[in-house]
């Protein structure tokens, strides 16, 4: 049976989770929480950009976060036609915003933040700009 995040069809394996926004006016977003092929926890953020469905998945292996970016043929497709991956430092501007959302969702769902707004500081430490408040490292 299929699941949908908004109007985007996502795989039926996994649970749809809502990630809270950054306060008033920010409704948050939904992600798919599942496991990767190696049975490690994985969070996938799906989006539509330029009429193309895309996804960014985050997994952690040996205390290092890995990113996989996929492009799909259409909104109902669950098999990607284009894939590329790497670490957080390899994320390009093409999918930077989506990678930050997926990374933040992974850390929040796995209780890896110890305090309020540690998610912002963490994204800066990892070398990715915070899309919500701009680049606070400058």
C-alpha atoms as a PDB file:
ATOM      1  CA  UNK A   1       0.000   0.000   0.000  1.00  0.00           C
ATOM      2  CA  UNK A   2       1.281   3.460  -0.880  1.00  0.00           C
ATOM      3  CA  UNK A   3       1.984   6.388   1.401  1.00  0.00           C
ATOM      4  CA  UNK A   4       1.986  10.043   0.467  1.00  0.00           C
ATOM      5  CA  UNK A   5       3.777  13.078   1.863  1.00  0.00           C
ATOM      6  CA  UNK A   6       1.733  15.921   0.474  1.00  0.00           C
ATOM      7  CA  UNK A   7       1.119  14.843  -3.129  1.00  0.00           C
ATOM      8  CA  UNK A   8       4.360  12.897  -3.366  1.00  0.00           C
ATOM      9  CA  UNK A   9       4.222   9.102  -3.397  1.00  0.00           C
ATOM     10  CA  UNK A  10       6.790   7.550  -1.038  1.00  0.00           C
ATOM     11  CA  UNK A  11       7.717   3.911  -0.328  1.00  0.00           C
ATOM     12  CA  UNK A  12       5.383   2.063   2.018  1.00  0.00           C
ATOM     13  CA  UNK A  13       8.241   0.823   4.190  1.00  0.00           C
ATOM     14  CA  UNK A  14       8.802   3.263   7.013  1.00  0.00           C
ATOM     15  CA  UNK A  15       6.881   5.838   9.016  1.00  0.00           C
ATOM     16  CA  UNK A  16       6.016   9.397   8.090  1.00  0.00           C
ATOM     17  CA  UNK A  17       7.175  11.782  10.831  1.00  0.00           C
ATOM     18  CA  UNK A  18       6.510  15.493  11.279  1.00  0.00           C
ATOM     19  CA  UNK A  19       9.457  17.733  12.164  1.00  0.00           C
ATOM     20  CA  UNK A  20       8.600  20.943  14.005  1.00  0.00           C
ATOM     21  CA  UNK A  21       9.529  24.286  12.509  1.00  0.00           C
ATOM     22  CA  UNK A  22      11.450  27.165  14.017  1.00  0.00           C
ATOM     23  CA  UNK A  23       8.558  28.961  15.666  1.00  0.00           C
ATOM     24  CA  UNK A  24       5.623  31.076  14.580  1.00  0.00           C
ATOM     25  CA  UNK A  25       4.976  30.996  10.852  1.00  0.00           C
ATOM     26  CA  UNK A  26       7.116  27.909  10.215  1.00  0.00           C
ATOM     27  CA  UNK A  27       4.795  24.895   9.908  1.00  0.00           C
ATOM     28  CA  UNK A  28       7.607  22.333   9.789  1.00  0.00           C
ATOM     29  CA  UNK A  29       7.837  19.476   7.320  1.00  0.00           C
ATOM     30  CA  UNK A  30       7.362  15.715   6.960  1.00  0.00           C
ATOM     31  CA  UNK A  31      10.011  13.042   6.435  1.00  0.00           C
ATOM     32  CA  UNK A  32      10.053   9.278   5.985  1.00  0.00           C
ATOM     33  CA  UNK A  33      11.826   7.395   8.764  1.00  0.00           C
ATOM     34  CA  UNK A  34      13.015   3.976   7.627  1.00  0.00           C
ATOM     35  CA  UNK A  35      16.114   1.752   7.523  1.00  0.00           C
ATOM     36  CA  UNK A  36      18.726   1.587   4.775  1.00  0.00           C
ATOM     37  CA  UNK A  37      19.874  -1.560   3.012  1.00  0.00           C
ATOM     38  CA  UNK A  38      22.462  -2.151   5.755  1.00  0.00           C
ATOM     39  CA  UNK A  39      19.757  -2.043   8.459  1.00  0.00           C
ATOM     40  CA  UNK A  40      20.926   1.359   9.731  1.00  0.00           C
ATOM     41  CA  UNK A  41      18.388   4.090  10.580  1.00  0.00           C
ATOM     42  CA  UNK A  42      17.650   6.416   7.688  1.00  0.00           C
ATOM     43  CA  UNK A  43      15.608   9.600   7.267  1.00  0.00           C
ATOM     44  CA  UNK A  44      14.447  10.687   3.809  1.00  0.00           C
ATOM     45  CA  UNK A  45      13.173  14.154   2.906  1.00  0.00           C
ATOM     46  CA  UNK A  46      11.106  14.267  -0.311  1.00  0.00           C
ATOM     47  CA  UNK A  47      10.563  17.461  -2.299  1.00  0.00           C
ATOM     48  CA  UNK A  48       9.440  18.849  -5.651  1.00  0.00           C
ATOM     49  CA  UNK A  49      11.744  21.320  -7.401  1.00  0.00           C
ATOM     50  CA  UNK A  50      11.385  22.457 -11.020  1.00  0.00           C
ATOM     51  CA  UNK A  51       8.587  19.908 -11.515  1.00  0.00           C
ATOM     52  CA  UNK A  52      10.920  17.051 -10.575  1.00  0.00           C
ATOM     53  CA  UNK A  53      10.567  14.820  -7.534  1.00  0.00           C
ATOM     54  CA  UNK A  54      13.719  14.528  -5.477  1.00  0.00           C
ATOM     55  CA  UNK A  55      14.818  13.090  -2.172  1.00  0.00           C
ATOM     56  CA  UNK A  56      17.697  13.477   0.234  1.00  0.00           C
ATOM     57  CA  UNK A  57      18.432  10.659   2.655  1.00  0.00           C
ATOM     58  CA  UNK A  58      20.674  10.781   5.716  1.00  0.00           C
ATOM     59  CA  UNK A  59      22.241   7.779   7.433  1.00  0.00           C
ATOM     60  CA  UNK A  60      24.904   7.522  10.104  1.00  0.00           C
ATOM     61  CA  UNK A  61      27.722   4.991  10.033  1.00  0.00           C
ATOM     62  CA  UNK A  62      30.642   4.984  12.492  1.00  0.00           C
ATOM     63  CA  UNK A  63      29.750   8.479  13.771  1.00  0.00           C
ATOM     64  CA  UNK A  64      29.809   9.951  10.259  1.00  0.00           C
ATOM     65  CA  UNK A  65      26.731  11.144   8.357  1.00  0.00           C
ATOM     66  CA  UNK A  66      26.180  10.149   4.756  1.00  0.00           C
ATOM     67  CA  UNK A  67      23.890  11.837   2.237  1.00  0.00           C
ATOM     68  CA  UNK A  68      22.252  10.360  -0.848  1.00  0.00           C
ATOM     69  CA  UNK A  69      20.488  12.630  -3.330  1.00  0.00           C
ATOM     70  CA  UNK A  70      18.017  11.084  -5.791  1.00  0.00           C
ATOM     71  CA  UNK A  71      15.988  12.450  -8.708  1.00  0.00           C
ATOM     72  CA  UNK A  72      12.860  10.586  -9.878  1.00  0.00           C
ATOM     73  CA  UNK A  73      11.072  10.443 -13.222  1.00  0.00           C
ATOM     74  CA  UNK A  74       7.730  11.690 -11.836  1.00  0.00           C
ATOM     75  CA  UNK A  75       5.864  12.272  -8.559  1.00  0.00           C
ATOM     76  CA  UNK A  76       4.515   8.713  -8.414  1.00  0.00           C
ATOM     77  CA  UNK A  77       7.818   6.984  -9.123  1.00  0.00           C
ATOM     78  CA  UNK A  78       9.630   5.313  -6.224  1.00  0.00           C
ATOM     79  CA  UNK A  79      12.646   4.148  -8.254  1.00  0.00           C
ATOM     80  CA  UNK A  80      15.223   6.912  -8.801  1.00  0.00           C
ATOM     81  CA  UNK A  81      16.590   7.609 -12.268  1.00  0.00           C
ATOM     82  CA  UNK A  82      19.605   9.526 -10.938  1.00  0.00           C
ATOM     83  CA  UNK A  83      21.580   9.054  -7.672  1.00  0.00           C
ATOM     84  CA  UNK A  84      24.626  10.602  -6.076  1.00  0.00           C
ATOM     85  CA  UNK A  85      25.982  10.482  -2.573  1.00  0.00           C
ATOM     86  CA  UNK A  86      28.702  11.502  -0.194  1.00  0.00           C
ATOM     87  CA  UNK A  87      29.179  13.191   3.156  1.00  0.00           C
ATOM     88  CA  UNK A  88      27.644  16.417   4.443  1.00  0.00           C
ATOM     89  CA  UNK A  89      30.644  18.414   3.252  1.00  0.00           C
ATOM     90  CA  UNK A  90      30.042  17.225  -0.333  1.00  0.00           C
ATOM     91  CA  UNK A  91      26.508  18.659  -0.502  1.00  0.00           C
ATOM     92  CA  UNK A  92      26.093  21.066  -3.420  1.00  0.00           C
ATOM     93  CA  UNK A  93      23.918  24.171  -3.575  1.00  0.00           C
ATOM     94  CA  UNK A  94      21.539  22.208  -5.800  1.00  0.00           C
ATOM     95  CA  UNK A  95      20.131  20.373  -2.777  1.00  0.00           C
ATOM     96  CA  UNK A  96      21.653  22.180   0.226  1.00  0.00           C
ATOM     97  CA  UNK A  97      18.324  23.276   1.728  1.00  0.00           C
ATOM     98  CA  UNK A  98      16.875  19.793   1.439  1.00  0.00           C
ATOM     99  CA  UNK A  99      20.007  18.188   2.921  1.00  0.00           C
ATOM    100  CA  UNK A 100      19.841  20.463   5.969  1.00  0.00           C
ATOM    101  CA  UNK A 101      16.193  19.532   6.518  1.00  0.00           C
ATOM    102  CA  UNK A 102      16.935  15.805   6.270  1.00  0.00           C
ATOM    103  CA  UNK A 103      19.980  16.082   8.540  1.00  0.00           C
ATOM    104  CA  UNK A 104      18.073  18.093  11.148  1.00  0.00           C
ATOM    105  CA  UNK A 105      15.205  15.577  11.025  1.00  0.00           C
ATOM    106  CA  UNK A 106      17.591  12.652  11.539  1.00  0.00           C
ATOM    107  CA  UNK A 107      19.221  14.276  14.556  1.00  0.00           C
ATOM    108  CA  UNK A 108      15.862  15.267  16.082  1.00  0.00           C
ATOM    109  CA  UNK A 109      14.242  11.858  15.587  1.00  0.00           C
ATOM    110  CA  UNK A 110      17.195  10.091  17.187  1.00  0.00           C
ATOM    111  CA  UNK A 111      17.393  12.483  20.187  1.00  0.00           C
ATOM    112  CA  UNK A 112      20.899  13.628  19.365  1.00  0.00           C
ATOM    113  CA  UNK A 113      20.340  17.251  20.397  1.00  0.00           C
ATOM    114  CA  UNK A 114      20.867  17.989  24.075  1.00  0.00           C
ATOM    115  CA  UNK A 115      19.371  21.463  24.205  1.00  0.00           C
ATOM    116  CA  UNK A 116      17.320  24.173  22.578  1.00  0.00           C
ATOM    117  CA  UNK A 117      18.691  25.321  19.200  1.00  0.00           C
ATOM    118  CA  UNK A 118      21.614  22.945  19.202  1.00  0.00           C
ATOM    119  CA  UNK A 119      20.337  21.990  15.748  1.00  0.00           C
ATOM    120  CA  UNK A 120      21.425  25.384  14.369  1.00  0.00           C
ATOM    121  CA  UNK A 121      24.892  25.274  15.898  1.00  0.00           C
ATOM    122  CA  UNK A 122      25.356  21.683  14.787  1.00  0.00           C
ATOM    123  CA  UNK A 123      24.616  22.453  11.136  1.00  0.00           C
ATOM    124  CA  UNK A 124      27.325  25.114  11.227  1.00  0.00           C
ATOM    125  CA  UNK A 125      29.857  22.734  12.797  1.00  0.00           C
ATOM    126  CA  UNK A 126      29.138  20.176  10.074  1.00  0.00           C
ATOM    127  CA  UNK A 127      29.969  22.756   7.409  1.00  0.00           C
ATOM    128  CA  UNK A 128      26.498  23.264   5.982  1.00  0.00           C
ATOM    129  CA  UNK A 129      24.782  26.646   6.108  1.00  0.00           C
ATOM    130  CA  UNK A 130      21.733  27.022   8.275  1.00  0.00           C
ATOM    131  CA  UNK A 131      18.910  27.707   5.855  1.00  0.00           C
ATOM    132  CA  UNK A 132      16.701  29.214   8.502  1.00  0.00           C
ATOM    133  CA  UNK A 133      18.916  32.007   9.848  1.00  0.00           C
ATOM    134  CA  UNK A 134      21.564  32.362   7.165  1.00  0.00           C
ATOM    135  CA  UNK A 135      25.198  31.521   7.707  1.00  0.00           C
ATOM    136  CA  UNK A 136      25.857  32.328  11.366  1.00  0.00           C
ATOM    137  CA  UNK A 137      29.532  31.360  11.116  1.00  0.00           C
ATOM    138  CA  UNK A 138      30.489  34.593   9.316  1.00  0.00           C
END
